[in-house]
Amino acid sequence: MRAARVKTRSAPVRTCIGCRKQALAADLLRVVAQASAEGQELAVIPDPQRRLPGRGASLHPLSSCLSNAVKRRAFGRALRVSGHLDISALEHYVENRHEHS
């Protein structure tokens, strides 16, 4: 007699652009680049509900991963944008979260 196979869906895995470690997508913060109101500058904003349009990148919501991503200039590459990126909204979001270190 054959054993019944149970199909299980594996959870999506993403790579943090700060520390380059893989983790479940649910454990990472999705960020997207959006044009500012003036249209001059792109801002990297958090997308905790994962609903904003556009190309996203994943990041652990930790200040260490954020600073590593800034040092490595990973936001421009991951989001496929060029020019200066304003990350103040993302910094504010990460600062106001309780870090789990």
C-alpha atoms as a PDB file:
ATOM      1  CA  MET A   1       0.000   0.000   0.000  1.00  0.00           C
ATOM      2  CA  ARG A   2       1.335   3.449  -0.924  1.00  0.00           C
ATOM      3  CA  ALA A   3       1.673   6.126   1.659  1.00  0.00           C
ATOM      4  CA  ALA A   4      -0.269   9.251   0.854  1.00  0.00           C
ATOM      5  CA  ARG A   5       1.916  12.231   0.025  1.00  0.00           C
ATOM      6  CA  VAL A   6       1.014  15.415   1.717  1.00  0.00           C
ATOM      7  CA  LYS A   7       1.984  18.519  -0.211  1.00  0.00           C
ATOM      8  CA  THR A   8       3.136  21.345   1.972  1.00  0.00           C
ATOM      9  CA  ARG A   9       3.840  24.796   0.682  1.00  0.00           C
ATOM     10  CA  SER A  10       7.152  26.160   1.734  1.00  0.00           C
ATOM     11  CA  ALA A  11       7.194  29.735   2.948  1.00  0.00           C
ATOM     12  CA  PRO A  12       8.966  32.260   0.702  1.00  0.00           C
ATOM     13  CA  VAL A  13      12.605  32.931   1.561  1.00  0.00           C
ATOM     14  CA  ARG A  14      14.323  36.254   0.867  1.00  0.00           C
ATOM     15  CA  THR A  15      17.830  37.634   1.386  1.00  0.00           C
ATOM     16  CA  CYS A  16      18.427  40.645   3.617  1.00  0.00           C
ATOM     17  CA  ILE A  17      20.258  43.355   1.651  1.00  0.00           C
ATOM     18  CA  GLY A  18      22.085  44.413   4.831  1.00  0.00           C
ATOM     19  CA  CYS A  19      23.565  41.217   6.250  1.00  0.00           C
ATOM     20  CA  ARG A  20      23.040  39.037   3.125  1.00  0.00           C
ATOM     21  CA  LYS A  21      21.521  36.230   5.223  1.00  0.00           C
ATOM     22  CA  GLN A  22      18.479  34.344   4.025  1.00  0.00           C
ATOM     23  CA  ALA A  23      15.350  34.401   6.161  1.00  0.00           C
ATOM     24  CA  LEU A  24      11.648  33.849   5.826  1.00  0.00           C
ATOM     25  CA  ALA A  25       9.981  36.727   4.016  1.00  0.00           C
ATOM     26  CA  ALA A  26       7.641  37.177   6.993  1.00  0.00           C
ATOM     27  CA  ASP A  27      10.649  37.964   9.219  1.00  0.00           C
ATOM     28  CA  LEU A  28      12.017  40.636   6.878  1.00  0.00           C
ATOM     29  CA  LEU A  29      10.789  44.147   6.167  1.00  0.00           C
ATOM     30  CA  ARG A  30       9.952  44.916   2.541  1.00  0.00           C
ATOM     31  CA  VAL A  31      11.097  48.345   1.337  1.00  0.00           C
ATOM     32  CA  VAL A  32      10.272  50.135  -1.909  1.00  0.00           C
ATOM     33  CA  ALA A  33      11.503  53.276  -3.656  1.00  0.00           C
ATOM     34  CA  GLN A  34       8.906  55.951  -4.364  1.00  0.00           C
ATOM     35  CA  ALA A  35       9.248  59.410  -5.867  1.00  0.00           C
ATOM     36  CA  SER A  36       8.889  62.298  -3.453  1.00  0.00           C
ATOM     37  CA  ALA A  37       6.071  64.826  -3.799  1.00  0.00           C
ATOM     38  CA  GLU A  38       8.340  67.145  -5.796  1.00  0.00           C
ATOM     39  CA  GLY A  39       9.413  64.279  -8.011  1.00  0.00           C
ATOM     40  CA  GLN A  40      13.062  65.269  -7.608  1.00  0.00           C
ATOM     41  CA  GLU A  41      14.256  62.584  -5.242  1.00  0.00           C
ATOM     42  CA  LEU A  42      13.474  58.942  -4.561  1.00  0.00           C
ATOM     43  CA  ALA A  43      12.632  57.894  -1.031  1.00  0.00           C
ATOM     44  CA  VAL A  44      13.071  54.391   0.352  1.00  0.00           C
ATOM     45  CA  ILE A  45      10.014  53.673   2.449  1.00  0.00           C
ATOM     46  CA  PRO A  46       9.008  50.677   4.575  1.00  0.00           C
ATOM     47  CA  ASP A  47       6.205  48.449   3.328  1.00  0.00           C
ATOM     48  CA  PRO A  48       5.273  46.261   6.321  1.00  0.00           C
ATOM     49  CA  GLN A  49       1.965  45.154   4.719  1.00  0.00           C
ATOM     50  CA  ARG A  50       3.780  44.179   1.488  1.00  0.00           C
ATOM     51  CA  ARG A  51       1.189  45.947  -0.659  1.00  0.00           C
ATOM     52  CA  LEU A  52       2.929  48.950  -2.236  1.00  0.00           C
ATOM     53  CA  PRO A  53       3.570  48.801  -5.974  1.00  0.00           C
ATOM     54  CA  GLY A  54       7.033  48.578  -7.451  1.00  0.00           C
ATOM     55  CA  ARG A  55      10.165  46.578  -7.012  1.00  0.00           C
ATOM     56  CA  GLY A  56      10.863  45.714  -3.404  1.00  0.00           C
ATOM     57  CA  ALA A  57      13.889  44.687  -1.386  1.00  0.00           C
ATOM     58  CA  SER A  58      14.024  42.824   1.913  1.00  0.00           C
ATOM     59  CA  LEU A  59      15.790  43.955   5.058  1.00  0.00           C
ATOM     60  CA  HIS A  60      15.883  42.782   8.674  1.00  0.00           C
ATOM     61  CA  PRO A  61      14.222  45.608  10.651  1.00  0.00           C
ATOM     62  CA  LEU A  62      17.421  46.128  12.664  1.00  0.00           C
ATOM     63  CA  SER A  63      19.643  49.192  12.753  1.00  0.00           C
ATOM     64  CA  SER A  64      22.716  47.016  12.136  1.00  0.00           C
ATOM     65  CA  CYS A  65      21.297  45.643   8.871  1.00  0.00           C
ATOM     66  CA  LEU A  66      20.165  49.123   7.832  1.00  0.00           C
ATOM     67  CA  SER A  67      23.640  50.586   8.398  1.00  0.00           C
ATOM     68  CA  ASN A  68      25.262  47.676   6.533  1.00  0.00           C
ATOM     69  CA  ALA A  69      22.928  48.222   3.579  1.00  0.00           C
ATOM     70  CA  VAL A  70      23.807  51.940   3.521  1.00  0.00           C
ATOM     71  CA  LYS A  71      27.560  51.224   3.706  1.00  0.00           C
ATOM     72  CA  ARG A  72      27.312  48.663   0.910  1.00  0.00           C
ATOM     73  CA  ARG A  73      25.098  50.964  -1.199  1.00  0.00           C
ATOM     74  CA  ALA A  74      22.723  48.040  -1.512  1.00  0.00           C
ATOM     75  CA  PHE A  75      19.470  49.997  -1.866  1.00  0.00           C
ATOM     76  CA  GLY A  76      20.224  51.314  -5.335  1.00  0.00           C
ATOM     77  CA  ARG A  77      21.260  47.906  -6.634  1.00  0.00           C
ATOM     78  CA  ALA A  78      18.429  45.960  -5.033  1.00  0.00           C
ATOM     79  CA  LEU A  79      15.740  48.426  -6.094  1.00  0.00           C
ATOM     80  CA  ARG A  80      17.365  49.059  -9.485  1.00  0.00           C
ATOM     81  CA  VAL A  81      17.365  52.826  -9.144  1.00  0.00           C
ATOM     82  CA  SER A  82      20.152  55.368  -9.433  1.00  0.00           C
ATOM     83  CA  GLY A  83      20.802  58.706  -7.832  1.00  0.00           C
ATOM     84  CA  HIS A  84      20.441  59.863  -4.252  1.00  0.00           C
ATOM     85  CA  LEU A  85      17.992  57.872  -2.126  1.00  0.00           C
ATOM     86  CA  ASP A  86      16.357  59.420   0.926  1.00  0.00           C
ATOM     87  CA  ILE A  87      16.194  56.766   3.650  1.00  0.00           C
ATOM     88  CA  SER A  88      14.942  58.999   6.494  1.00  0.00           C
ATOM     89  CA  ALA A  89      11.471  57.362   6.563  1.00  0.00           C
ATOM     90  CA  LEU A  90      13.086  53.929   6.777  1.00  0.00           C
ATOM     91  CA  GLU A  91      15.481  55.069   9.519  1.00  0.00           C
ATOM     92  CA  HIS A  92      12.534  56.473  11.495  1.00  0.00           C
ATOM     93  CA  TYR A  93      10.610  53.206  11.130  1.00  0.00           C
ATOM     94  CA  VAL A  94      13.554  51.059  12.288  1.00  0.00           C
ATOM     95  CA  GLU A  95      14.356  53.372  15.233  1.00  0.00           C
ATOM     96  CA  ASN A  96      10.785  53.170  16.500  1.00  0.00           C
ATOM     97  CA  ARG A  97      10.614  49.370  16.359  1.00  0.00           C
ATOM     98  CA  HIS A  98      11.644  47.206  19.261  1.00  0.00           C
ATOM     99  CA  GLU A  99      14.759  45.428  18.052  1.00  0.00           C
ATOM    100  CA  HIS A 100      15.044  41.727  18.796  1.00  0.00           C
ATOM    101  CA  SER A 101      18.780  41.315  19.250  1.00  0.00           C
END
